[in-house]
Protein backbone atom coordinates (compact mmCIF):
# COMPACT_ATOMS: atom_id res chain seq x y z
CA MET A 1 58.83 -209.03 34.80
CA LYS A 2 61.89 -210.93 35.97
CA THR A 3 65.21 -209.41 35.04
CA PHE A 4 68.60 -210.89 34.33
CA GLN A 5 71.49 -210.12 36.65
CA GLU A 6 74.59 -209.03 34.72
CA LEU A 7 77.53 -211.34 35.48
CA GLU A 8 81.06 -210.52 34.33
CA THR A 9 83.61 -212.84 35.90
CA ILE A 10 84.02 -216.59 36.11
CA LYS A 11 84.17 -216.32 39.90
CA ASN A 12 80.91 -214.33 40.05
CA ILE A 13 79.16 -216.77 37.75
CA GLU A 14 80.33 -219.82 39.68
CA HIS A 15 79.17 -218.20 42.92
CA PHE A 16 75.80 -217.34 41.32
CA ILE A 17 75.35 -220.95 40.14
CA ASP A 18 76.42 -222.46 43.49
CA LYS A 19 74.20 -220.11 45.49
CA HIS A 20 70.93 -221.14 43.80
CA GLN A 21 69.26 -224.48 43.20
CA LEU A 22 68.03 -223.37 39.76
CA THR A 23 70.12 -221.02 37.63
CA PHE A 24 69.53 -219.94 34.05
CA LEU A 25 72.36 -218.24 32.14
CA TYR A 26 71.91 -216.31 28.89
CA PHE A 27 75.09 -215.71 26.87
CA SER A 28 74.85 -213.05 24.17
CA HIS A 29 76.50 -210.00 22.69
CA PRO A 30 75.04 -206.62 21.68
CA ASN A 31 75.55 -206.98 17.90
CA CYS A 32 73.67 -210.29 17.68
CA SER A 33 70.18 -209.79 16.27
CA VAL A 34 69.12 -213.32 17.24
CA CYS A 35 70.23 -212.60 20.82
CA GLN A 36 68.30 -209.36 20.98
CA GLY A 37 65.15 -210.95 19.55
CA LEU A 38 65.26 -214.02 21.77
CA LEU A 39 65.98 -212.30 25.09
CA PRO A 40 62.48 -210.79 25.61
CA GLN A 41 60.87 -214.15 24.78
CA VAL A 42 63.06 -215.94 27.32
CA GLN A 43 62.44 -213.23 29.90
CA GLN A 44 58.67 -213.54 29.42
CA MET A 45 58.82 -217.34 29.72
CA MET A 46 60.89 -217.11 32.91
CA ASN A 47 58.06 -215.22 34.61
CA ASN A 48 56.42 -218.66 34.94
CA TYR A 49 59.36 -219.95 36.99
CA PRO A 50 59.92 -217.69 40.01
CA ASN A 51 62.48 -220.01 41.64
CA ILE A 52 64.89 -219.86 38.69
CA GLN A 53 67.59 -217.20 39.10
CA LEU A 54 68.55 -215.42 35.87
CA GLY A 55 72.04 -214.38 34.84
CA HIS A 56 73.21 -212.63 31.66
CA ILE A 57 76.73 -212.71 30.25
CA ASN A 58 77.89 -210.35 27.50
CA THR A 59 80.48 -212.41 25.62
CA ARG A 60 81.95 -209.31 23.97
CA LYS A 61 82.86 -207.87 27.38
CA THR A 62 84.12 -211.13 28.86
CA PRO A 63 85.33 -213.56 26.19
CA GLU A 64 87.21 -215.61 28.81
CA VAL A 65 83.85 -216.49 30.41
CA ALA A 66 82.54 -217.74 27.08
CA GLY A 67 85.58 -219.96 26.70
CA TYR A 68 85.27 -221.29 30.23
CA PHE A 69 81.66 -222.37 29.56
CA SER A 70 82.41 -223.64 26.01
CA VAL A 71 80.25 -220.99 24.39
CA PHE A 72 81.35 -220.74 20.76
CA THR A 73 78.29 -219.02 19.30
CA VAL A 74 75.52 -216.84 20.68
CA PRO A 75 72.94 -216.92 22.01
CA VAL A 76 73.55 -219.82 24.38
CA LEU A 77 71.08 -220.69 27.11
CA LEU A 78 72.13 -222.87 30.04
CA LEU A 79 70.03 -224.22 32.89
CA PHE A 80 71.88 -225.44 35.99
CA VAL A 81 70.29 -227.57 38.70
CA ASN A 82 72.23 -227.76 41.95
CA GLY A 83 75.35 -226.58 40.13
CA LYS A 84 75.15 -229.08 37.26
CA GLU A 85 74.30 -228.21 33.67
CA TYR A 86 71.01 -229.82 32.64
CA ILE A 87 69.99 -227.90 29.52
CA ARG A 88 72.09 -226.26 26.81
CA LYS A 89 70.52 -224.58 23.80
CA ALA A 90 72.42 -222.54 21.24
CA ARG A 91 71.73 -220.22 18.33
CA ILE A 92 68.26 -221.22 17.09
CA VAL A 93 66.07 -222.01 20.09
CA HIS A 94 62.62 -223.54 19.81
CA MET A 95 60.85 -221.86 22.70
CA ASN A 96 58.09 -224.47 23.08
CA LEU A 97 60.59 -227.32 23.36
CA LEU A 98 62.78 -225.35 25.75
CA GLU A 99 59.82 -224.55 27.98
CA GLU A 100 58.72 -228.20 28.03
CA LYS A 101 62.14 -229.26 29.28
CA ILE A 102 62.35 -226.47 31.85
CA LYS A 103 58.83 -227.16 33.11
CA LYS A 104 59.57 -230.87 33.66
CA ILE A 105 62.66 -230.09 35.71
CA TYR A 106 60.99 -227.22 37.56
CA ASP A 107 57.93 -229.27 38.46
CA LEU A 108 60.07 -232.11 39.81
CA LEU A 109 62.12 -229.80 42.00
CA THR A 110 59.39 -227.49 43.25
CA ASP A 111 56.64 -230.09 43.87
CA TYR A 112 53.97 -228.40 41.78
């Protein structure tokens, strides 16, 4: 199963995004039950997309990162393509719709 890399600074996150063509960021905090319930579902889905790099940001540890990315609630899921934000989902996430959007982008970029 794919795992999320823990990211803690704006500089590290920007480097992570710039380094990869496809980057998926998951913003959450430990006391959020929605975050804890959604994370395994997202992780399972991401197994279908091996070229997407996964990053996790704990907004309790690094609130300045949340502000920098305009994250005002959790969970927030962001997909970046070549450094640009393409998908943003927050709070209540419909997994089927999210996967449809990711699959379209992924298929276009990976020629499957």
